[in-house]
Every structure is written in structure tokens, then in C-alpha cells.
Amino acid sequence: MRRLPIYFLIDISESMVGEPIQQVEEGLATIIKELKTDPYSIETVWVSILVFAGQPKTLVPLQEIINFYPPKFPIGSGTSLSKGLGHLMYELRKNQVTTTMERKGDWKPIVFLFTDGVPTDDTSQAIKEWKQNWQRTANMVAVSFGEETDMQMLSELTENVLHFKNTDSSSYKTFFKWVTDSIKTSSVSVENNTGSFDLAKLDGDTLSPADLKNEPGAASSPKGIYANFFDSNFVVLSGKCQNTKRPYLMKYRKTTADSGIYAGLETRGYKLVGAFQVDNTYYELSDNNEGSFQINTSELMGSPTCPSCGNQYGFAMCSCGKIHCIGNEEESTCPWCNTKGKYGVGGAGGFNVDRAQG
């Protein structure tokens, strides 16, 4: 039986932490559950899950859906789309079954790329390689999960660039039903030997074609324009629990308000979304070469409790420059450098703190 390989290439950068990555986990579990009840999909569909942050990883190797078990998604620092694409092309080459005299090879693979921000590296070479070697032999659908995703760059990869308006949990359900229906439709096509790539109908409210009219060019930008860049939609800070030594992330979302001084003048800040516990794979999937970016705490609104041990303050900065949690203890120990000390309240003007790339 000829296979229809489906690859999910998923952005697991820090801005995806919290509800977005949870919804993706649940959505993929729903997709597989539905495909397992579809006779055409059972016969043809094979699925692989690839993820990327600062580094890429194969989360689930290509396998029959009947054997597929939905994975738990990690989080990493950075959005290295070039490494993600490079890893995708490596997996495509490794898994490809070609047609011979004795057997028929795979149908055209389908790739669903999900991303919610801008690349933190230069994508030009990876895009060039994709266009030269895979654009004609694989189908790609690029889906933007964010309002400021670089649509023009995604359009260099594929003509199928979609904007997902991820407003609430019901919109996620609608979106993943569309993905499921698109896979089912394609599996019916290949079973009928048409080999066509057919996407399900878009509803326009939840998912629509990206509007590229006013998008600035990006893929052809000078080399290095994305090097050491960060996602301006979010500020993510990395901390570590003083008691459990487990890492956690504090996520802030960009917000604007009228300055109250001049008409039309807005002030920008970042409002706390929450603090989220992550595991040590966060460091494995982070870009070791990422630059150092800072933000002043005066721009941040809200301070969380520790998501690991429940300490009252999840935002204390040691003299080593790292963040950790503190409770009511008289003397605290930094879990990063083991320095012991007492903590006081920061100055009225705030202080600078290292931010992750998001």
C-alpha cells in the first residue's frame, strides 16, 4: 500500500508556552483519534511530528496512525526556522520511499507548518534549498498562529499561507477539524489514484488566506537580519525554582494604551500572561548562540508566584543576573549560582533583566 506521509513542523518557541502549546497537544490528539476512524486514512496515512525552537527535534518518527500516540510538547528558546526546515528536509530524505520496478513509492508528502512569530535567524538559505529540492515534490501548508508572523517569508515557502485567528478554545477546535478534514480529503484522493492535494473549505472566520498585499519583503532580506532577533509580541523571562531547581518561564504579552499626554500617542508595555513550569529539554532545544537582550522591569506589568513550589514571589533577581523564586525565608539561595543573600524591593525606576528570544 502506498503511503501518504504527513509531517507536522511545529514552532515550540517560548511564546507558544501556556494555552497555545496545550491547544496544539489536544488538537493533534483529536486529529489522530478522528483519522483512526477513517478507513481511507488508516490505509494510507503515516504521521510524523517535528518541532523547532532554537534547535529542532523529531518528536514522533514517521509511523502508521494506528500506532501513533500523541506526544507531550516541550518548549525551547528561539525560533530557528532555518534549522526547523533543515531538519524537515533531512527527515523527508531519510523516510522517502521511491518508486521502483518492484514497488510504488510514497504519494507526495504533506507538511503542515505552524508558527506564531518571526524567525530569530536567517532563513534565506533554507528557503532556497526547499524551493530547489522539495517545492515540487512535497506539499506545504504554512499556518500563522500570531498577528505579526512574517507572512511574506512564509509565502516564499508555499502558496498555501493561512492565518489562524486563535481567539479562544472553540477556534482551536474548528482549526484542527479543518486539518483533519484536509488530511481525510487527501487520503481519499490518493486511494482513488488521483494523487491530488485537496484542502478542506476555509470558513473565513477562524482560518483564512493570508493577506500579503501590505506585507514587507523578508525572505530576500540581507543575510543576518534575523540573527539574534526576538519576538516583539511577547517578553519571556527564564527563571528557576529555588526549592525544586526546575526551570520555569514567565510570559508577558504586548499591550498598548493611550498615553494621556498627546492625542494619538500610545505607551507600550507587557502584561503578565502567567508563569509556566518547563523541564530541562528547554535548554536542549534552545539556541546556544542567541544574543543577550534586556528589558526594564518598569515595562512589565505583574509578577507571578512560582509555578513549581508555590513561593509567593517568582521574580527575584540574583547578583548573577538570573531569576528565581523566593518565599518568606530570611535568607535565600540562588539555584543558578548558589549565592546566599537577602532580597529587597527594586528601585522606583525598575532594573534591567535578560529576556529570552521568545
Protein backbone atom coordinates (compact mmCIF):
# COMPACT_ATOMS: atom_id res chain seq x y z
CA MET A 1 0.00 0.00 0.00
CA ARG A 2 1.38 3.41 -0.95
CA ARG A 3 1.90 5.75 1.97
CA LEU A 4 0.70 9.34 2.30
CA PRO A 5 3.29 10.88 4.68
CA ILE A 6 2.02 13.78 6.82
CA TYR A 7 4.59 15.92 8.62
CA PHE A 8 3.73 18.46 11.30
CA LEU A 9 6.53 21.02 11.71
CA ILE A 10 5.63 22.93 14.87
CA ASP A 11 7.08 26.06 16.44
CA ILE A 12 7.69 25.38 20.15
CA SER A 13 9.37 28.70 20.95
CA GLU A 14 8.72 30.34 24.31
CA SER A 15 5.83 32.45 23.01
CA MET A 16 3.92 29.19 22.49
CA VAL A 17 4.12 28.29 26.20
CA GLY A 18 0.83 28.02 28.07
CA GLU A 19 -2.51 27.77 26.27
CA PRO A 20 -1.18 27.73 22.66
CA ILE A 21 1.00 24.64 23.10
CA GLN A 22 -1.66 22.95 25.22
CA GLN A 23 -4.24 23.52 22.48
CA VAL A 24 -1.83 22.11 19.87
CA GLU A 25 -1.30 18.98 22.00
CA GLU A 26 -5.04 18.45 22.39
CA GLY A 27 -5.69 19.28 18.74
CA LEU A 28 -3.19 16.75 17.40
CA ALA A 29 -4.61 14.10 19.72
CA THR A 30 -8.06 14.84 18.26
CA ILE A 31 -6.74 14.65 14.69
CA ILE A 32 -5.23 11.21 15.23
CA LYS A 33 -8.34 9.96 17.03
CA GLU A 34 -10.52 11.04 14.10
CA LEU A 35 -8.16 9.63 11.45
CA LYS A 36 -8.16 6.26 13.19
CA THR A 37 -11.90 6.00 12.47
CA ASP A 38 -11.48 6.81 8.77
CA PRO A 39 -10.88 3.71 6.58
CA TYR A 40 -9.05 5.64 3.86
CA SER A 41 -6.69 7.30 6.34
CA ILE A 42 -5.93 4.02 8.13
CA GLU A 43 -4.83 2.52 4.82
CA THR A 44 -2.61 5.35 3.63
CA VAL A 45 -1.71 8.00 6.23
CA TRP A 46 1.62 7.98 8.09
CA VAL A 47 2.37 10.82 10.54
CA SER A 48 5.50 12.43 11.97
CA ILE A 49 5.82 15.30 14.47
CA LEU A 50 8.83 17.60 14.14
CA VAL A 51 9.40 20.58 16.43
CA PHE A 52 11.77 23.53 16.44
CA ALA A 53 12.80 26.35 18.75
CA GLY A 54 16.48 27.31 18.91
CA GLN A 55 17.15 23.68 17.93
CA PRO A 56 14.99 21.15 16.03
CA LYS A 57 13.90 17.68 17.15
CA THR A 58 11.92 14.71 15.88
CA LEU A 59 9.22 14.25 18.49
CA VAL A 60 7.48 11.36 16.71
CA PRO A 61 9.19 9.46 13.84
CA LEU A 62 7.12 8.75 10.73
CA GLN A 63 4.70 5.93 11.55
CA GLU A 64 1.29 4.49 10.77
CA ILE A 65 -1.52 6.32 12.53
CA ILE A 66 -2.74 3.08 14.10
CA ASN A 67 0.48 3.03 16.17
CA PHE A 68 0.56 6.77 16.85
CA TYR A 69 0.43 8.03 20.44
CA PRO A 70 0.09 11.83 20.91
CA PRO A 71 3.24 13.30 22.47
CA LYS A 72 3.82 15.86 25.19
CA PHE A 73 5.31 19.01 23.64
CA PRO A 74 8.46 20.62 25.07
CA ILE A 75 9.36 24.33 24.90
CA GLY A 76 12.68 25.85 23.77
CA SER A 77 14.22 29.30 23.35
CA GLY A 78 14.34 31.00 19.96
CA THR A 79 12.57 30.43 16.64
CA SER A 80 15.18 28.95 14.31
CA LEU A 81 13.02 28.28 11.29
CA SER A 82 16.10 27.58 9.16
CA LYS A 83 17.07 24.70 11.47
CA GLY A 84 13.47 23.50 11.52
CA LEU A 85 13.33 23.44 7.72
CA GLY A 86 16.74 21.77 7.53
CA HIS A 87 15.57 19.04 9.88
CA LEU A 88 12.35 18.61 7.90
CA MET A 89 14.29 18.13 4.67
CA TYR A 90 16.58 15.63 6.40
CA GLU A 91 13.55 13.61 7.58
CA LEU A 92 11.95 13.76 4.12
CA ARG A 93 15.11 12.37 2.52
CA LYS A 94 15.55 9.70 5.17
CA ASN A 95 11.96 8.44 5.08
CA GLN A 96 11.21 8.74 1.38
CA VAL A 97 10.12 5.54 -0.40
CA THR A 98 10.73 5.96 -4.12
CA THR A 99 9.08 4.12 -6.97
CA THR A 100 10.98 1.14 -8.41
CA MET A 101 10.20 -1.72 -10.79
CA GLU A 102 9.02 -3.80 -7.82
CA ARG A 103 7.01 -1.22 -5.85
CA LYS A 104 5.24 2.11 -5.99
CA GLY A 105 6.71 4.88 -3.90
CA ASP A 106 5.05 7.31 -1.50
CA TRP A 107 2.49 9.85 -2.51
CA LYS A 108 3.61 13.47 -2.24
CA PRO A 109 4.22 14.25 1.44
CA ILE A 110 2.08 16.94 3.06
CA VAL A 111 3.73 19.32 5.52
CA PHE A 112 1.76 21.46 7.99
CA LEU A 113 3.96 24.23 9.37
CA PHE A 114 2.63 26.00 12.48
CA THR A 115 4.40 29.13 13.75
CA ASP A 116 3.37 32.11 15.87
CA GLY A 117 6.19 34.62 15.39
CA VAL A 118 9.16 35.73 13.36
CA PRO A 119 12.36 33.72 12.81
CA THR A 120 15.27 34.53 15.10
CA ASP A 121 17.77 33.51 12.40
CA ASP A 122 18.44 33.99 8.71
CA THR A 123 16.09 31.81 6.66
CA SER A 124 17.30 32.61 3.15
CA GLN A 125 19.49 29.54 2.56
CA ALA A 126 16.96 27.08 3.99
CA ILE A 127 14.18 28.59 1.86
CA LYS A 128 16.42 28.40 -1.21
CA GLU A 129 17.14 24.72 -0.57
CA TRP A 130 13.43 23.98 -0.05
CA LYS A 131 12.47 25.68 -3.31
CA GLN A 132 15.20 23.91 -5.27
CA ASN A 133 14.75 20.40 -3.88
CA TRP A 134 11.31 19.98 -2.34
CA GLN A 135 8.82 22.59 -3.55
CA ARG A 136 7.73 20.37 -6.46
CA THR A 137 7.89 17.05 -4.62
CA ALA A 138 6.09 17.95 -1.36
CA ASN A 139 3.00 19.98 -0.46
CA MET A 140 3.33 22.54 2.33
CA VAL A 141 0.68 24.47 4.24
CA ALA A 142 2.06 27.28 6.43
CA VAL A 143 -0.24 28.47 9.20
CA SER A 144 0.33 31.64 11.19
CA PHE A 145 -0.77 31.41 14.82
CA GLY A 146 0.09 35.05 15.50
CA GLU A 147 -0.91 38.53 14.37
CA GLU A 148 2.60 39.59 13.39
CA THR A 149 4.00 36.45 11.80
CA ASP A 150 6.19 37.14 8.76
CA MET A 151 3.67 36.18 6.08
CA GLN A 152 5.84 37.31 3.18
CA MET A 153 8.61 34.97 4.26
CA LEU A 154 6.14 32.08 4.56
CA SER A 155 4.87 32.84 1.05
CA GLU A 156 8.37 32.12 -0.25
CA LEU A 157 7.95 28.56 1.02
CA THR A 158 4.44 27.86 -0.24
CA GLU A 159 1.42 29.41 -1.92
CA ASN A 160 -0.71 27.91 0.87
CA VAL A 161 -0.22 30.52 3.62
CA LEU A 162 -3.10 30.76 6.09
CA HIS A 163 -3.86 32.97 9.06
CA PHE A 164 -5.40 31.22 12.05
CA LYS A 165 -7.38 33.59 14.29
CA ASN A 166 -6.71 31.76 17.55
CA THR A 167 -9.12 33.74 19.71
CA ASP A 168 -10.49 31.03 22.02
CA SER A 169 -10.69 27.27 22.61
CA SER A 170 -13.57 26.83 20.15
CA SER A 171 -11.49 28.38 17.34
CA TYR A 172 -8.76 25.81 18.02
CA LYS A 173 -11.33 23.02 17.70
CA THR A 174 -12.54 24.46 14.39
CA PHE A 175 -8.97 24.76 13.13
CA PHE A 176 -7.95 21.21 13.98
CA LYS A 177 -11.17 19.87 12.47
CA TRP A 178 -10.14 21.66 9.24
CA VAL A 179 -6.71 19.97 9.39
CA THR A 180 -8.38 16.59 9.95
CA ASP A 181 -10.80 17.12 7.07
CA SER A 182 -7.93 18.18 4.78
CA ILE A 183 -5.98 15.01 5.56
CA LYS A 184 -9.08 12.85 5.05
CA THR A 185 -9.82 14.51 1.71
CA SER A 186 -6.25 13.97 0.52
CA SER A 187 -6.27 10.33 1.64
CA VAL A 188 -9.46 9.70 -0.36
CA SER A 189 -7.83 11.30 -3.41
CA VAL A 190 -4.76 9.07 -3.26
CA GLU A 191 -6.87 5.98 -2.60
CA ASN A 192 -8.73 6.80 -5.80
CA ASN A 193 -5.36 7.16 -7.55
CA THR A 194 -5.86 10.82 -8.36
CA GLY A 195 -2.91 11.82 -6.18
CA SER A 196 -4.32 15.32 -5.79
CA PHE A 197 -3.74 17.60 -2.83
CA ASP A 198 -7.08 18.87 -1.59
CA LEU A 199 -7.56 21.18 1.39
CA ALA A 200 -10.89 21.40 3.16
CA LYS A 201 -13.01 24.52 2.69
CA LEU A 202 -11.99 27.54 4.79
CA ASP A 203 -14.64 29.20 6.94
CA GLY A 204 -13.01 32.66 6.74
CA ASP A 205 -13.76 33.49 10.36
CA THR A 206 -11.31 31.11 12.03
CA LEU A 207 -8.94 30.42 9.16
CA SER A 208 -8.37 32.47 6.03
CA PRO A 209 -5.74 33.01 3.32
CA ALA A 210 -3.03 35.41 4.45
CA ASP A 211 -3.27 38.96 3.11
CA LEU A 212 0.14 39.63 1.57
CA LYS A 213 -0.65 42.96 -0.09
CA ASN A 214 0.88 45.19 2.55
CA GLU A 215 3.44 42.77 3.91
CA PRO A 216 7.09 43.92 3.65
CA GLY A 217 9.54 41.61 1.89
CA ALA A 218 11.50 39.43 4.28
CA ALA A 219 12.83 36.27 2.70
CA SER A 220 15.10 38.25 0.41
CA SER A 221 16.40 40.45 3.22
CA PRO A 222 20.17 40.72 3.72
CA LYS A 223 21.80 37.80 5.44
CA GLY A 224 21.73 38.05 9.19
CA ILE A 225 18.76 40.40 9.52
CA TYR A 226 17.07 37.87 11.82
CA ALA A 227 20.24 36.86 13.65
CA ASN A 228 19.77 37.35 17.39
CA PHE A 229 16.32 38.83 16.84
CA PHE A 230 13.44 38.35 19.25
CA ASP A 231 9.66 38.25 19.08
CA SER A 232 8.34 41.74 19.93
CA ASN A 233 4.83 40.42 20.63
CA PHE A 234 5.92 38.79 23.87
CA VAL A 235 8.51 39.12 26.59
CA VAL A 236 9.55 35.80 28.07
CA LEU A 237 11.80 35.57 31.12
CA SER A 238 13.51 32.38 32.24
CA GLY A 239 13.59 31.52 35.94
CA LYS A 240 14.44 28.58 38.18
CA CYS A 241 12.71 27.34 41.33
CA GLN A 242 14.82 27.79 44.45
CA ASN A 243 13.38 24.63 46.03
CA THR A 244 12.91 22.14 43.16
CA LYS A 245 15.63 23.56 40.84
CA ARG A 246 13.18 23.18 37.95
CA PRO A 247 13.10 25.87 35.23
CA TYR A 248 10.02 27.97 34.55
CA LEU A 249 9.04 30.71 32.12
CA MET A 250 7.25 34.00 32.81
CA LYS A 251 5.29 35.13 29.77
CA TYR A 252 4.20 38.74 29.14
CA ARG A 253 2.03 39.87 26.21
CA LYS A 254 2.44 43.25 24.47
CA THR A 255 -0.24 45.80 25.28
CA THR A 256 -0.73 49.44 24.35
CA ALA A 257 -2.66 52.26 25.99
CA ASP A 258 -3.33 55.95 25.40
CA SER A 259 -0.51 57.95 26.95
CA GLY A 260 -2.89 60.63 28.23
CA ILE A 261 -0.37 63.28 27.17
CA TYR A 262 -0.76 63.74 23.41
CA ALA A 263 -3.67 62.67 21.20
CA GLY A 264 -2.79 59.51 19.30
CA LEU A 265 0.35 58.85 21.37
CA GLU A 266 0.38 55.37 22.87
CA THR A 267 2.55 53.80 25.52
CA ARG A 268 3.70 50.21 25.20
CA GLY A 269 4.09 47.69 27.97
CA TYR A 270 3.84 43.98 28.59
CA LYS A 271 1.15 42.39 30.76
CA LEU A 272 1.69 39.12 32.61
CA VAL A 273 0.05 36.09 30.98
CA GLY A 274 1.35 33.61 33.53
CA ALA A 275 4.27 31.52 34.76
CA PHE A 276 4.73 28.01 33.38
CA GLN A 277 6.85 25.11 34.52
CA VAL A 278 9.08 23.53 31.86
CA ASP A 279 11.59 20.68 32.01
CA ASN A 280 15.30 20.51 31.19
CA THR A 281 14.63 19.85 27.49
CA TYR A 282 14.11 23.63 27.39
CA TYR A 283 17.90 24.04 27.46
CA GLU A 284 18.48 21.28 24.90
CA LEU A 285 16.12 22.96 22.42
CA SER A 286 17.48 26.47 22.92
CA ASP A 287 19.89 28.34 20.69
CA ASN A 288 23.28 28.36 22.40
CA ASN A 289 24.40 31.29 20.24
CA GLU A 290 21.48 33.59 20.96
CA GLY A 291 22.32 37.17 21.87
CA SER A 292 21.65 38.94 25.15
CA PHE A 293 18.59 41.19 25.16
CA GLN A 294 17.28 43.11 28.11
CA ILE A 295 14.10 44.85 29.17
CA ASN A 296 13.47 47.17 32.08
CA THR A 297 11.06 45.87 34.68
CA SER A 298 9.19 49.20 34.51
CA GLU A 299 7.75 47.93 31.19
CA LEU A 300 6.41 44.74 32.78
CA MET A 301 3.03 44.59 34.49
CA GLY A 302 2.51 41.84 37.03
CA SER A 303 4.67 39.38 38.96
CA PRO A 304 3.77 35.68 39.30
CA THR A 305 4.08 33.15 42.06
CA CYS A 306 6.43 30.23 41.45
CA PRO A 307 4.65 27.60 39.29
CA SER A 308 6.87 24.84 40.71
CA CYS A 309 6.78 25.24 44.50
CA GLY A 310 4.19 27.99 45.00
CA ASN A 311 6.59 30.52 46.52
CA GLN A 312 4.96 33.94 46.79
CA TYR A 313 7.48 35.69 44.56
CA GLY A 314 8.54 34.13 41.28
CA PHE A 315 10.52 37.15 40.12
CA ALA A 316 13.66 37.74 42.20
CA MET A 317 16.96 38.54 40.51
CA CYS A 318 20.27 37.41 41.94
CA SER A 319 23.53 39.36 41.61
CA CYS A 320 24.46 36.80 38.90
CA GLY A 321 21.67 38.26 36.76
CA LYS A 322 19.44 35.16 36.89
CA ILE A 323 15.82 34.97 38.06
CA HIS A 324 14.48 32.62 40.72
CA CYS A 325 11.67 32.39 43.26
CA ILE A 326 11.71 33.39 46.94
CA GLY A 327 9.32 32.87 49.83
CA ASN A 328 9.27 34.13 53.38
CA GLU A 329 12.70 32.79 54.26
CA GLU A 330 15.11 35.32 55.77
CA GLU A 331 17.98 34.24 53.52
CA SER A 332 17.56 32.78 50.03
CA THR A 333 19.87 30.65 47.88
CA CYS A 334 20.11 31.26 44.14
CA PRO A 335 19.56 27.92 42.34
CA TRP A 336 21.75 29.14 39.46
CA CYS A 337 24.96 30.13 41.27
CA ASN A 338 24.27 29.04 44.89
CA THR A 339 24.83 32.58 46.22
CA LYS A 340 23.07 33.20 49.53
CA GLY A 341 21.57 36.58 50.33
CA LYS A 342 18.66 38.73 51.43
CA TYR A 343 16.36 40.38 48.93
CA GLY A 344 14.77 43.81 48.96
CA VAL A 345 12.40 45.72 46.69
CA GLY A 346 13.85 47.12 43.42
CA GLY A 347 14.23 50.84 42.76
CA ALA A 348 11.35 53.04 41.61
CA GLY A 349 12.75 53.18 38.08
CA GLY A 350 12.96 49.41 37.76
CA PHE A 351 16.00 47.42 36.68
CA ASN A 352 17.18 45.68 33.53
CA VAL A 353 16.68 41.95 33.19
CA ASP A 354 17.70 39.49 30.47
CA ARG A 355 14.85 38.36 28.22
CA ALA A 356 14.65 35.26 26.09
CA GLN A 357 14.12 35.40 22.33
CA GLY A 358 10.51 34.26 22.58
